[in-house]
Amino acid sequence: MSKITMLFITISLLFVGMTFGKQVAPPETSVIEFQTKLGKVTFLHSMHSSLSFTKCTTCHHTFEGEGDIKSCHDCHDKDAQGVPGAKEVFHLRCIGCHEYTAQGGERAGPIKTKCLLCHIR
């Protein structure tokens, strides 16, 4: 086989792997809404799960590849012992990722000082 043919096959296989290996949020969880004291937060789960740098375990850190994926509130509720609450986790994970992404020069969602961009009254 020629080098050009081998290169074409390699690139094709990489493309197929990237296309079919992509993790996508189930349709029933494509948009998730949280009621908070500051107002409703709408999380675009399908948009976040389709980002090139994310996989399910980016957020669902207890998922081991099989079985059901727990929602954030299954473990991180206000009465949970030994784990941070959902508010703390969302602020740390979500805002932290948005800030990190923005520092890298990429488009990102709301950051700490813009609470009302997420919390809609």
PDB file of N, CA and C in Angstrom:
ATOM      1  N   MET A   1       0.834  -1.181   0.000  1.00  0.00           N
ATOM      2  CA  MET A   1       0.000   0.000   0.000  1.00  0.00           C
ATOM      3  C   MET A   1       0.877   1.241   0.000  1.00  0.00           C
ATOM      4  N   SER A   2       0.411   2.252  -0.674  1.00  0.00           N
ATOM      5  CA  SER A   2       1.185   3.493  -0.728  1.00  0.00           C
ATOM      6  C   SER A   2       1.035   4.270   0.581  1.00  0.00           C
ATOM      7  N   LYS A   3       1.941   5.178   0.799  1.00  0.00           N
ATOM      8  CA  LYS A   3       1.904   6.004   2.014  1.00  0.00           C
ATOM      9  C   LYS A   3       0.637   6.863   2.046  1.00  0.00           C
ATOM     10  N   ILE A   4       0.216   7.322   0.875  1.00  0.00           N
ATOM     11  CA  ILE A   4      -0.989   8.161   0.801  1.00  0.00           C
ATOM     12  C   ILE A   4      -2.212   7.334   1.175  1.00  0.00           C
ATOM     13  N   THR A   5      -2.302   6.119   0.708  1.00  0.00           N
ATOM     14  CA  THR A   5      -3.427   5.244   1.044  1.00  0.00           C
ATOM     15  C   THR A   5      -3.445   4.961   2.534  1.00  0.00           C
ATOM     16  N   MET A   6      -2.285   4.665   3.104  1.00  0.00           N
ATOM     17  CA  MET A   6      -2.192   4.401   4.547  1.00  0.00           C
ATOM     18  C   MET A   6      -2.606   5.636   5.353  1.00  0.00           C
ATOM     19  N   LEU A   7      -2.168   6.809   4.916  1.00  0.00           N
ATOM     20  CA  LEU A   7      -2.540   8.052   5.600  1.00  0.00           C
ATOM     21  C   LEU A   7      -4.047   8.263   5.537  1.00  0.00           C
ATOM     22  N   PHE A   8      -4.638   8.030   4.371  1.00  0.00           N
ATOM     23  CA  PHE A   8      -6.086   8.185   4.209  1.00  0.00           C
ATOM     24  C   PHE A   8      -6.841   7.222   5.128  1.00  0.00           C
ATOM     25  N   ILE A   9      -6.422   5.978   5.198  1.00  0.00           N
ATOM     26  CA  ILE A   9      -7.074   4.982   6.055  1.00  0.00           C
ATOM     27  C   ILE A   9      -6.960   5.382   7.519  1.00  0.00           C
ATOM     28  N   THR A  10      -5.773   5.843   7.936  1.00  0.00           N
ATOM     29  CA  THR A  10      -5.561   6.257   9.325  1.00  0.00           C
ATOM     30  C   THR A  10      -6.459   7.431   9.688  1.00  0.00           C
ATOM     31  N   ILE A  11      -6.507   8.430   8.832  1.00  0.00           N
ATOM     32  CA  ILE A  11      -7.351   9.604   9.097  1.00  0.00           C
ATOM     33  C   ILE A  11      -8.820   9.205   9.133  1.00  0.00           C
ATOM     34  N   SER A  12      -9.234   8.325   8.220  1.00  0.00           N
ATOM     35  CA  SER A  12     -10.628   7.858   8.194  1.00  0.00           C
ATOM     36  C   SER A  12     -10.994   7.139   9.487  1.00  0.00           C
ATOM     37  N   LEU A  13     -10.106   6.266   9.964  1.00  0.00           N
ATOM     38  CA  LEU A  13     -10.374   5.541  11.207  1.00  0.00           C
ATOM     39  C   LEU A  13     -10.449   6.485  12.400  1.00  0.00           C
ATOM     40  N   LEU A  14      -9.577   7.478  12.434  1.00  0.00           N
ATOM     41  CA  LEU A  14      -9.634   8.463  13.520  1.00  0.00           C
ATOM     42  C   LEU A  14     -10.952   9.213  13.500  1.00  0.00           C
ATOM     43  N   PHE A  15     -11.403   9.615  12.313  1.00  0.00           N
ATOM     44  CA  PHE A  15     -12.666  10.331  12.188  1.00  0.00           C
ATOM     45  C   PHE A  15     -13.831   9.469  12.657  1.00  0.00           C
ATOM     46  N   VAL A  16     -13.851   8.205  12.234  1.00  0.00           N
ATOM     47  CA  VAL A  16     -14.919   7.289  12.643  1.00  0.00           C
ATOM     48  C   VAL A  16     -14.914   7.135  14.155  1.00  0.00           C
ATOM     49  N   GLY A  17     -13.748   6.980  14.750  1.00  0.00           N
ATOM     50  CA  GLY A  17     -13.643   6.843  16.205  1.00  0.00           C
ATOM     51  C   GLY A  17     -14.133   8.073  16.927  1.00  0.00           C
ATOM     52  N   MET A  18     -13.812   9.252  16.416  1.00  0.00           N
ATOM     53  CA  MET A  18     -14.244  10.493  17.061  1.00  0.00           C
ATOM     54  C   MET A  18     -15.746  10.675  16.909  1.00  0.00           C
ATOM     55  N   THR A  19     -16.297  10.284  15.771  1.00  0.00           N
ATOM     56  CA  THR A  19     -17.722  10.466  15.516  1.00  0.00           C
ATOM     57  C   THR A  19     -18.572   9.497  16.324  1.00  0.00           C
ATOM     58  N   PHE A  20     -18.213   8.216  16.294  1.00  0.00           N
ATOM     59  CA  PHE A  20     -19.033   7.214  16.951  1.00  0.00           C
ATOM     60  C   PHE A  20     -18.688   7.025  18.415  1.00  0.00           C
ATOM     61  N   GLY A  21     -17.526   7.493  18.846  1.00  0.00           N
ATOM     62  CA  GLY A  21     -17.128   7.352  20.236  1.00  0.00           C
ATOM     63  C   GLY A  21     -17.654   8.474  21.117  1.00  0.00           C
ATOM     64  N   LYS A  22     -18.324   9.447  20.524  1.00  0.00           N
ATOM     65  CA  LYS A  22     -18.799  10.618  21.261  1.00  0.00           C
ATOM     66  C   LYS A  22     -19.923  10.238  22.207  1.00  0.00           C
ATOM     67  N   GLN A  23     -19.845  10.717  23.416  1.00  0.00           N
ATOM     68  CA  GLN A  23     -20.885  10.445  24.398  1.00  0.00           C
ATOM     69  C   GLN A  23     -21.928  11.552  24.323  1.00  0.00           C
ATOM     70  N   VAL A  24     -23.175  11.151  24.353  1.00  0.00           N
ATOM     71  CA  VAL A  24     -24.271  12.107  24.226  1.00  0.00           C
ATOM     72  C   VAL A  24     -25.248  11.878  25.375  1.00  0.00           C
ATOM     73  N   ALA A  25     -25.741  12.971  25.928  1.00  0.00           N
ATOM     74  CA  ALA A  25     -26.720  12.880  27.009  1.00  0.00           C
ATOM     75  C   ALA A  25     -28.009  12.259  26.487  1.00  0.00           C
ATOM     76  N   PRO A  26     -28.655  11.412  27.294  1.00  0.00           N
ATOM     77  CA  PRO A  26     -29.948  10.850  26.881  1.00  0.00           C
ATOM     78  C   PRO A  26     -30.950  11.977  26.639  1.00  0.00           C
ATOM     79  N   PRO A  27     -31.862  11.803  25.673  1.00  0.00           N
ATOM     80  CA  PRO A  27     -32.807  12.874  25.334  1.00  0.00           C
ATOM     81  C   PRO A  27     -33.592  13.417  26.527  1.00  0.00           C
ATOM     82  N   GLU A  28     -33.964  12.542  27.463  1.00  0.00           N
ATOM     83  CA  GLU A  28     -34.756  13.010  28.605  1.00  0.00           C
ATOM     84  C   GLU A  28     -33.955  13.886  29.558  1.00  0.00           C
ATOM     85  N   THR A  29     -32.631  13.934  29.393  1.00  0.00           N
ATOM     86  CA  THR A  29     -31.800  14.790  30.248  1.00  0.00           C
ATOM     87  C   THR A  29     -31.102  15.882  29.443  1.00  0.00           C
ATOM     88  N   SER A  30     -31.568  16.144  28.222  1.00  0.00           N
ATOM     89  CA  SER A  30     -30.875  17.115  27.376  1.00  0.00           C
ATOM     90  C   SER A  30     -30.910  18.529  27.961  1.00  0.00           C
ATOM     91  N   VAL A  31     -31.965  18.860  28.683  1.00  0.00           N
ATOM     92  CA  VAL A  31     -32.058  20.143  29.394  1.00  0.00           C
ATOM     93  C   VAL A  31     -32.494  19.836  30.821  1.00  0.00           C
ATOM     94  N   ILE A  32     -31.722  20.297  31.787  1.00  0.00           N
ATOM     95  CA  ILE A  32     -32.035  20.055  33.202  1.00  0.00           C
ATOM     96  C   ILE A  32     -32.202  21.411  33.878  1.00  0.00           C
ATOM     97  N   GLU A  33     -33.272  21.548  34.645  1.00  0.00           N
ATOM     98  CA  GLU A  33     -33.522  22.806  35.360  1.00  0.00           C
ATOM     99  C   GLU A  33     -33.424  22.582  36.866  1.00  0.00           C
ATOM    100  N   PHE A  34     -32.778  23.519  37.548  1.00  0.00           N
ATOM    101  CA  PHE A  34     -32.641  23.493  39.002  1.00  0.00           C
ATOM    102  C   PHE A  34     -33.301  24.739  39.562  1.00  0.00           C
ATOM    103  N   GLN A  35     -34.121  24.575  40.581  1.00  0.00           N
ATOM    104  CA  GLN A  35     -34.689  25.722  41.275  1.00  0.00           C
ATOM    105  C   GLN A  35     -33.745  26.105  42.414  1.00  0.00           C
ATOM    106  N   THR A  36     -33.342  27.357  42.463  1.00  0.00           N
ATOM    107  CA  THR A  36     -32.441  27.835  43.514  1.00  0.00           C
ATOM    108  C   THR A  36     -33.017  29.094  44.142  1.00  0.00           C
ATOM    109  N   LYS A  37     -32.412  29.536  45.240  1.00  0.00           N
ATOM    110  CA  LYS A  37     -32.875  30.758  45.900  1.00  0.00           C
ATOM    111  C   LYS A  37     -32.735  31.979  45.002  1.00  0.00           C
ATOM    112  N   LEU A  38     -31.726  31.983  44.136  1.00  0.00           N
ATOM    113  CA  LEU A  38     -31.499  33.122  43.245  1.00  0.00           C
ATOM    114  C   LEU A  38     -32.288  33.033  41.940  1.00  0.00           C
ATOM    115  N   GLY A  39     -32.988  31.939  41.727  1.00  0.00           N
ATOM    116  CA  GLY A  39     -33.750  31.770  40.495  1.00  0.00           C
ATOM    117  C   GLY A  39     -33.396  30.472  39.800  1.00  0.00           C
ATOM    118  N   LYS A  40     -34.153  30.155  38.772  1.00  0.00           N
ATOM    119  CA  LYS A  40     -33.994  28.889  38.053  1.00  0.00           C
ATOM    120  C   LYS A  40     -32.698  28.878  37.246  1.00  0.00           C
ATOM    121  N   VAL A  41     -31.975  27.756  37.324  1.00  0.00           N
ATOM    122  CA  VAL A  41     -30.767  27.547  36.527  1.00  0.00           C
ATOM    123  C   VAL A  41     -31.097  26.482  35.494  1.00  0.00           C
ATOM    124  N   THR A  42     -30.854  26.793  34.236  1.00  0.00           N
ATOM    125  CA  THR A  42     -31.077  25.843  33.156  1.00  0.00           C
ATOM    126  C   THR A  42     -29.724  25.345  32.678  1.00  0.00           C
ATOM    127  N   PHE A  43     -29.523  24.029  32.778  1.00  0.00           N
ATOM    128  CA  PHE A  43     -28.270  23.404  32.376  1.00  0.00           C
ATOM    129  C   PHE A  43     -28.492  22.660  31.065  1.00  0.00           C
ATOM    130  N   LEU A  44     -27.760  23.040  30.041  1.00  0.00           N
ATOM    131  CA  LEU A  44     -27.879  22.406  28.737  1.00  0.00           C
ATOM    132  C   LEU A  44     -26.980  21.170  28.696  1.00  0.00           C
ATOM    133  N   HIS A  45     -27.492  20.086  29.250  1.00  0.00           N
ATOM    134  CA  HIS A  45     -26.738  18.849  29.388  1.00  0.00           C
ATOM    135  C   HIS A  45     -26.247  18.324  28.041  1.00  0.00           C
ATOM    136  N   SER A  46     -27.119  18.311  27.032  1.00  0.00           N
ATOM    137  CA  SER A  46     -26.727  17.778  25.721  1.00  0.00           C
ATOM    138  C   SER A  46     -25.605  18.603  25.104  1.00  0.00           C
ATOM    139  N   MET A  47     -25.627  19.908  25.280  1.00  0.00           N
ATOM    140  CA  MET A  47     -24.570  20.756  24.734  1.00  0.00           C
ATOM    141  C   MET A  47     -23.250  20.474  25.440  1.00  0.00           C
ATOM    142  N   HIS A  48     -23.279  20.361  26.771  1.00  0.00           N
ATOM    143  CA  HIS A  48     -22.056  20.109  27.526  1.00  0.00           C
ATOM    144  C   HIS A  48     -21.495  18.716  27.244  1.00  0.00           C
ATOM    145  N   SER A  49     -22.362  17.720  27.116  1.00  0.00           N
ATOM    146  CA  SER A  49     -21.878  16.353  26.892  1.00  0.00           C
ATOM    147  C   SER A  49     -21.285  16.181  25.502  1.00  0.00           C
ATOM    148  N   SER A  50     -21.606  17.081  24.580  1.00  0.00           N
ATOM    149  CA  SER A  50     -21.080  16.957  23.224  1.00  0.00           C
ATOM    150  C   SER A  50     -19.792  17.760  23.015  1.00  0.00           C
ATOM    151  N   LEU A  51     -19.309  18.457  24.042  1.00  0.00           N
ATOM    152  CA  LEU A  51     -18.057  19.197  23.906  1.00  0.00           C
ATOM    153  C   LEU A  51     -16.907  18.223  23.690  1.00  0.00           C
ATOM    154  N   SER A  52     -15.932  18.636  22.934  1.00  0.00           N
ATOM    155  CA  SER A  52     -14.840  17.739  22.551  1.00  0.00           C
ATOM    156  C   SER A  52     -14.023  17.239  23.736  1.00  0.00           C
ATOM    157  N   PHE A  53     -13.949  17.991  24.819  1.00  0.00           N
ATOM    158  CA  PHE A  53     -13.086  17.611  25.937  1.00  0.00           C
ATOM    159  C   PHE A  53     -13.829  16.935  27.085  1.00  0.00           C
ATOM    160  N   THR A  54     -15.108  16.693  26.928  1.00  0.00           N
ATOM    161  CA  THR A  54     -15.857  16.088  28.030  1.00  0.00           C
ATOM    162  C   THR A  54     -16.219  14.634  27.746  1.00  0.00           C
ATOM    163  N   LYS A  55     -16.396  13.918  28.804  1.00  0.00           N
ATOM    164  CA  LYS A  55     -16.962  12.579  28.755  1.00  0.00           C
ATOM    165  C   LYS A  55     -17.841  12.476  29.995  1.00  0.00           C
ATOM    166  N   CYS A  56     -18.657  11.461  30.094  1.00  0.00           N
ATOM    167  CA  CYS A  56     -19.608  11.353  31.209  1.00  0.00           C
ATOM    168  C   CYS A  56     -18.912  11.490  32.565  1.00  0.00           C
ATOM    169  N   THR A  57     -17.750  10.864  32.693  1.00  0.00           N
ATOM    170  CA  THR A  57     -17.060  10.859  33.987  1.00  0.00           C
ATOM    171  C   THR A  57     -16.439  12.201  34.341  1.00  0.00           C
ATOM    172  N   THR A  58     -16.455  13.160  33.424  1.00  0.00           N
ATOM    173  CA  THR A  58     -15.977  14.497  33.765  1.00  0.00           C
ATOM    174  C   THR A  58     -16.799  15.055  34.921  1.00  0.00           C
ATOM    175  N   CYS A  59     -18.084  14.843  34.881  1.00  0.00           N
ATOM    176  CA  CYS A  59     -18.969  15.300  35.953  1.00  0.00           C
ATOM    177  C   CYS A  59     -19.482  14.143  36.806  1.00  0.00           C
ATOM    178  N   HIS A  60     -19.860  13.065  36.152  1.00  0.00           N
ATOM    179  CA  HIS A  60     -20.389  11.895  36.862  1.00  0.00           C
ATOM    180  C   HIS A  60     -19.211  11.014  37.285  1.00  0.00           C
ATOM    181  N   HIS A  61     -18.478  11.485  38.271  1.00  0.00           N
ATOM    182  CA  HIS A  61     -17.194  10.892  38.644  1.00  0.00           C
ATOM    183  C   HIS A  61     -17.293   9.506  39.258  1.00  0.00           C
ATOM    184  N   THR A  62     -18.494   9.063  39.654  1.00  0.00           N
ATOM    185  CA  THR A  62     -18.634   7.716  40.215  1.00  0.00           C
ATOM    186  C   THR A  62     -19.050   6.695  39.146  1.00  0.00           C
ATOM    187  N   PHE A  63     -19.310   7.155  37.934  1.00  0.00           N
ATOM    188  CA  PHE A  63     -19.737   6.253  36.856  1.00  0.00           C
ATOM    189  C   PHE A  63     -18.543   5.432  36.385  1.00  0.00           C
ATOM    190  N   GLU A  64     -18.745   4.113  36.295  1.00  0.00           N
ATOM    191  CA  GLU A  64     -17.655   3.218  35.908  1.00  0.00           C
ATOM    192  C   GLU A  64     -17.868   2.579  34.544  1.00  0.00           C
ATOM    193  N   GLY A  65     -18.740   3.167  33.731  1.00  0.00           N
ATOM    194  CA  GLY A  65     -18.923   2.684  32.373  1.00  0.00           C
ATOM    195  C   GLY A  65     -20.091   1.757  32.160  1.00  0.00           C
ATOM    196  N   GLU A  66     -20.695   1.281  33.230  1.00  0.00           N
ATOM    197  CA  GLU A  66     -21.847   0.379  33.101  1.00  0.00           C
ATOM    198  C   GLU A  66     -22.918   0.773  34.107  1.00  0.00           C
ATOM    199  N   GLY A  67     -24.149   0.426  33.790  1.00  0.00           N
ATOM    200  CA  GLY A  67     -25.252   0.707  34.700  1.00  0.00           C
ATOM    201  C   GLY A  67     -25.746   2.131  34.585  1.00  0.00           C
ATOM    202  N   ASP A  68     -26.608   2.500  35.523  1.00  0.00           N
ATOM    203  CA  ASP A  68     -27.192   3.832  35.514  1.00  0.00           C
ATOM    204  C   ASP A  68     -26.184   4.879  35.971  1.00  0.00           C
ATOM    205  N   ILE A  69     -26.337   6.065  35.409  1.00  0.00           N
ATOM    206  CA  ILE A  69     -25.530   7.203  35.837  1.00  0.00           C
ATOM    207  C   ILE A  69     -26.362   7.978  36.845  1.00  0.00           C
ATOM    208  N   LYS A  70     -25.797   8.240  38.020  1.00  0.00           N
ATOM    209  CA  LYS A  70     -26.514   8.987  39.053  1.00  0.00           C
ATOM    210  C   LYS A  70     -26.561  10.469  38.698  1.00  0.00           C
ATOM    211  N   SER A  71     -27.641  11.108  39.103  1.00  0.00           N
ATOM    212  CA  SER A  71     -27.701  12.555  38.942  1.00  0.00           C
ATOM    213  C   SER A  71     -26.870  13.189  40.054  1.00  0.00           C
ATOM    214  N   CYS A  72     -26.520  14.426  39.890  1.00  0.00           N
ATOM    215  CA  CYS A  72     -25.698  15.135  40.879  1.00  0.00           C
ATOM    216  C   CYS A  72     -26.350  15.100  42.263  1.00  0.00           C
ATOM    217  N   HIS A  73     -27.666  15.323  42.294  1.00  0.00           N
ATOM    218  CA  HIS A  73     -28.379  15.410  43.568  1.00  0.00           C
ATOM    219  C   HIS A  73     -28.547  14.060  44.276  1.00  0.00           C
ATOM    220  N   ASP A  74     -28.277  12.958  43.571  1.00  0.00           N
ATOM    221  CA  ASP A  74     -28.336  11.644  44.230  1.00  0.00           C
ATOM    222  C   ASP A  74     -27.310  11.570  45.357  1.00  0.00           C
ATOM    223  N   CYS A  75     -26.176  12.183  45.169  1.00  0.00           N
ATOM    224  CA  CYS A  75     -25.106  12.155  46.186  1.00  0.00           C
ATOM    225  C   CYS A  75     -24.921  13.509  46.868  1.00  0.00           C
ATOM    226  N   HIS A  76     -25.066  14.575  46.094  1.00  0.00           N
ATOM    227  CA  HIS A  76     -24.750  15.906  46.602  1.00  0.00           C
ATOM    228  C   HIS A  76     -26.010  16.678  46.980  1.00  0.00           C
ATOM    229  N   ASP A  77     -26.752  16.172  47.979  1.00  0.00           N
ATOM    230  CA  ASP A  77     -27.907  16.920  48.457  1.00  0.00           C
ATOM    231  C   ASP A  77     -27.526  17.637  49.750  1.00  0.00           C
ATOM    232  N   LYS A  78     -28.407  18.485  50.208  1.00  0.00           N
ATOM    233  CA  LYS A  78     -28.078  19.317  51.376  1.00  0.00           C
ATOM    234  C   LYS A  78     -27.885  18.514  52.655  1.00  0.00           C
ATOM    235  N   ASP A  79     -28.420  17.290  52.720  1.00  0.00           N
ATOM    236  CA  ASP A  79     -28.297  16.477  53.923  1.00  0.00           C
ATOM    237  C   ASP A  79     -27.179  15.438  53.846  1.00  0.00           C
ATOM    238  N   ALA A  80     -26.421  15.447  52.748  1.00  0.00           N
ATOM    239  CA  ALA A  80     -25.372  14.440  52.559  1.00  0.00           C
ATOM    240  C   ALA A  80     -24.256  14.607  53.594  1.00  0.00           C
ATOM    241  N   GLN A  81     -23.779  13.502  54.070  1.00  0.00           N
ATOM    242  CA  GLN A  81     -22.694  13.502  55.054  1.00  0.00           C
ATOM    243  C   GLN A  81     -21.376  13.182  54.342  1.00  0.00           C
ATOM    244  N   GLY A  82     -20.363  13.997  54.558  1.00  0.00           N
ATOM    245  CA  GLY A  82     -19.034  13.712  54.039  1.00  0.00           C
ATOM    246  C   GLY A  82     -18.791  14.089  52.589  1.00  0.00           C
ATOM    247  N   VAL A  83     -19.780  14.665  51.924  1.00  0.00           N
ATOM    248  CA  VAL A  83     -19.585  15.135  50.548  1.00  0.00           C
ATOM    249  C   VAL A  83     -20.124  16.557  50.441  1.00  0.00           C
ATOM    250  N   PRO A  84     -19.546  17.379  49.568  1.00  0.00           N
ATOM    251  CA  PRO A  84     -20.057  18.744  49.417  1.00  0.00           C
ATOM    252  C   PRO A  84     -21.465  18.740  48.834  1.00  0.00           C
ATOM    253  N   GLY A  85     -22.233  19.746  49.173  1.00  0.00           N
ATOM    254  CA  GLY A  85     -23.582  19.885  48.643  1.00  0.00           C
ATOM    255  C   GLY A  85     -23.567  20.286  47.179  1.00  0.00           C
ATOM    256  N   ALA A  86     -24.728  20.163  46.538  1.00  0.00           N
ATOM    257  CA  ALA A  86     -24.845  20.452  45.109  1.00  0.00           C
ATOM    258  C   ALA A  86     -24.414  21.877  44.775  1.00  0.00           C
ATOM    259  N   LYS A  87     -24.824  22.842  45.576  1.00  0.00           N
ATOM    260  CA  LYS A  87     -24.463  24.238  45.301  1.00  0.00           C
ATOM    261  C   LYS A  87     -22.950  24.393  45.250  1.00  0.00           C
ATOM    262  N   GLU A  88     -22.262  23.848  46.234  1.00  0.00           N
ATOM    263  CA  GLU A  88     -20.803  23.950  46.284  1.00  0.00           C
ATOM    264  C   GLU A  88     -20.164  23.249  45.079  1.00  0.00           C
ATOM    265  N   VAL A  89     -20.674  22.067  44.757  1.00  0.00           N
ATOM    266  CA  VAL A  89     -20.126  21.305  43.632  1.00  0.00           C
ATOM    267  C   VAL A  89     -20.356  22.034  42.315  1.00  0.00           C
ATOM    268  N   PHE A  90     -21.575  22.525  42.097  1.00  0.00           N
ATOM    269  CA  PHE A  90     -21.866  23.229  40.842  1.00  0.00           C
ATOM    270  C   PHE A  90     -20.991  24.464  40.702  1.00  0.00           C
ATOM    271  N   HIS A  91     -20.882  25.224  41.768  1.00  0.00           N
ATOM    272  CA  HIS A  91     -20.073  26.433  41.693  1.00  0.00           C
ATOM    273  C   HIS A  91     -18.608  26.094  41.426  1.00  0.00           C
ATOM    274  N   LEU A  92     -18.112  25.082  42.081  1.00  0.00           N
ATOM    275  CA  LEU A  92     -16.719  24.686  41.890  1.00  0.00           C
ATOM    276  C   LEU A  92     -16.500  24.097  40.495  1.00  0.00           C
ATOM    277  N   ARG A  93     -17.296  23.112  40.119  1.00  0.00           N
ATOM    278  CA  ARG A  93     -17.124  22.421  38.832  1.00  0.00           C
ATOM    279  C   ARG A  93     -17.495  23.305  37.646  1.00  0.00           C
ATOM    280  N   CYS A  94     -18.691  23.854  37.686  1.00  0.00           N
ATOM    281  CA  CYS A  94     -19.200  24.605  36.530  1.00  0.00           C
ATOM    282  C   CYS A  94     -18.430  25.900  36.319  1.00  0.00           C
ATOM    283  N   ILE A  95     -18.415  26.728  37.346  1.00  0.00           N
ATOM    284  CA  ILE A  95     -17.729  28.007  37.221  1.00  0.00           C
ATOM    285  C   ILE A  95     -16.238  27.789  37.008  1.00  0.00           C
ATOM    286  N   GLY A  96     -15.677  26.817  37.722  1.00  0.00           N
ATOM    287  CA  GLY A  96     -14.253  26.519  37.561  1.00  0.00           C
ATOM    288  C   GLY A  96     -13.915  26.147  36.126  1.00  0.00           C
ATOM    289  N   CYS A  97     -14.736  25.320  35.505  1.00  0.00           N
ATOM    290  CA  CYS A  97     -14.503  24.925  34.115  1.00  0.00           C
ATOM    291  C   CYS A  97     -14.682  26.123  33.178  1.00  0.00           C
ATOM    292  N   HIS A  98     -15.698  26.938  33.425  1.00  0.00           N
ATOM    293  CA  HIS A  98     -15.913  28.120  32.587  1.00  0.00           C
ATOM    294  C   HIS A  98     -14.713  29.063  32.679  1.00  0.00           C
ATOM    295  N   GLU A  99     -14.214  29.297  33.895  1.00  0.00           N
ATOM    296  CA  GLU A  99     -13.054  30.180  34.067  1.00  0.00           C
ATOM    297  C   GLU A  99     -11.815  29.602  33.388  1.00  0.00           C
ATOM    298  N   TYR A 100     -11.584  28.318  33.577  1.00  0.00           N
ATOM    299  CA  TYR A 100     -10.426  27.646  32.981  1.00  0.00           C
ATOM    300  C   TYR A 100     -10.484  27.737  31.455  1.00  0.00           C
ATOM    301  N   THR A 101     -11.663  27.499  30.895  1.00  0.00           N
ATOM    302  CA  THR A 101     -11.844  27.547  29.451  1.00  0.00           C
ATOM    303  C   THR A 101     -11.625  28.961  28.923  1.00  0.00           C
ATOM    304  N   ALA A 102     -12.171  29.957  29.627  1.00  0.00           N
ATOM    305  CA  ALA A 102     -12.016  31.354  29.212  1.00  0.00           C
ATOM    306  C   ALA A 102     -10.558  31.800  29.291  1.00  0.00           C
ATOM    307  N   GLN A 103      -9.842  31.349  30.316  1.00  0.00           N
ATOM    308  CA  GLN A 103      -8.416  31.701  30.444  1.00  0.00           C
ATOM    309  C   GLN A 103      -7.602  31.145  29.279  1.00  0.00           C
ATOM    310  N   GLY A 104      -8.064  30.033  28.713  1.00  0.00           N
ATOM    311  CA  GLY A 104      -7.401  29.438  27.562  1.00  0.00           C
ATOM    312  C   GLY A 104      -7.763  30.130  26.255  1.00  0.00           C
ATOM    313  N   GLY A 105      -8.579  31.178  26.339  1.00  0.00           N
ATOM    314  CA  GLY A 105      -8.956  31.945  25.161  1.00  0.00           C
ATOM    315  C   GLY A 105     -10.150  31.399  24.403  1.00  0.00           C
ATOM    316  N   GLU A 106     -10.815  30.398  24.980  1.00  0.00           N
ATOM    317  CA  GLU A 106     -11.984  29.818  24.318  1.00  0.00           C
ATOM    318  C   GLU A 106     -13.264  30.405  24.891  1.00  0.00           C
ATOM    319  N   ARG A 107     -14.346  30.287  24.117  1.00  0.00           N
ATOM    320  CA  ARG A 107     -15.662  30.747  24.555  1.00  0.00           C
ATOM    321  C   ARG A 107     -16.132  29.861  25.699  1.00  0.00           C
ATOM    322  N   ALA A 108     -16.644  30.475  26.755  1.00  0.00           N
ATOM    323  CA  ALA A 108     -17.097  29.720  27.926  1.00  0.00           C
ATOM    324  C   ALA A 108     -18.374  30.331  28.479  1.00  0.00           C
ATOM    325  N   GLY A 109     -19.016  29.593  29.348  1.00  0.00           N
ATOM    326  CA  GLY A 109     -20.245  30.061  29.981  1.00  0.00           C
ATOM    327  C   GLY A 109     -19.963  31.070  31.081  1.00  0.00           C
ATOM    328  N   PRO A 110     -20.987  31.399  31.868  1.00  0.00           N
ATOM    329  CA  PRO A 110     -20.878  32.392  32.926  1.00  0.00           C
ATOM    330  C   PRO A 110     -19.812  32.049  33.966  1.00  0.00           C
ATOM    331  N   ILE A 111     -19.259  33.095  34.564  1.00  0.00           N
ATOM    332  CA  ILE A 111     -18.257  32.924  35.613  1.00  0.00           C
ATOM    333  C   ILE A 111     -18.738  33.578  36.904  1.00  0.00           C
ATOM    334  N   LYS A 112     -17.948  33.454  37.965  1.00  0.00           N
ATOM    335  CA  LYS A 112     -18.345  33.859  39.328  1.00  0.00           C
ATOM    336  C   LYS A 112     -19.083  35.184  39.435  1.00  0.00           C
ATOM    337  N   THR A 113     -18.558  36.210  38.833  1.00  0.00           N
ATOM    338  CA  THR A 113     -19.111  37.546  39.052  1.00  0.00           C
ATOM    339  C   THR A 113     -20.403  37.808  38.279  1.00  0.00           C
ATOM    340  N   LYS A 114     -20.867  36.860  37.519  1.00  0.00           N
ATOM    341  CA  LYS A 114     -22.064  37.049  36.699  1.00  0.00           C
ATOM    342  C   LYS A 114     -23.166  36.065  37.093  1.00  0.00           C
ATOM    343  N   CYS A 115     -23.530  36.033  38.373  1.00  0.00           N
ATOM    344  CA  CYS A 115     -24.499  35.053  38.901  1.00  0.00           C
ATOM    345  C   CYS A 115     -25.791  35.002  38.094  1.00  0.00           C
ATOM    346  N   LEU A 116     -26.310  36.143  37.731  1.00  0.00           N
ATOM    347  CA  LEU A 116     -27.624  36.194  37.085  1.00  0.00           C
ATOM    348  C   LEU A 116     -27.606  35.757  35.629  1.00  0.00           C
ATOM    349  N   LEU A 117     -26.432  35.384  35.108  1.00  0.00           N
ATOM    350  CA  LEU A 117     -26.393  34.779  33.779  1.00  0.00           C
ATOM    351  C   LEU A 117     -26.868  33.328  33.852  1.00  0.00           C
ATOM    352  N   CYS A 118     -26.720  32.695  35.011  1.00  0.00           N
ATOM    353  CA  CYS A 118     -27.222  31.319  35.218  1.00  0.00           C
ATOM    354  C   CYS A 118     -28.534  31.326  35.972  1.00  0.00           C
ATOM    355  N   HIS A 119     -28.612  32.138  37.017  1.00  0.00           N
ATOM    356  CA  HIS A 119     -29.793  32.187  37.887  1.00  0.00           C
ATOM    357  C   HIS A 119     -30.794  33.192  37.318  1.00  0.00           C
ATOM    358  N   ILE A 120     -31.866  32.677  36.728  1.00  0.00           N
ATOM    359  CA  ILE A 120     -32.870  33.521  36.082  1.00  0.00           C
ATOM    360  C   ILE A 120     -34.114  33.606  36.970  1.00  0.00           C
ATOM    361  N   ARG A 121     -34.501  34.811  37.307  1.00  0.00           N
ATOM    362  CA  ARG A 121     -35.709  35.025  38.121  1.00  0.00           C
ATOM    363  C   ARG A 121     -36.939  35.143  37.264  1.00  0.00           C
TER     364      ARG A 121
END
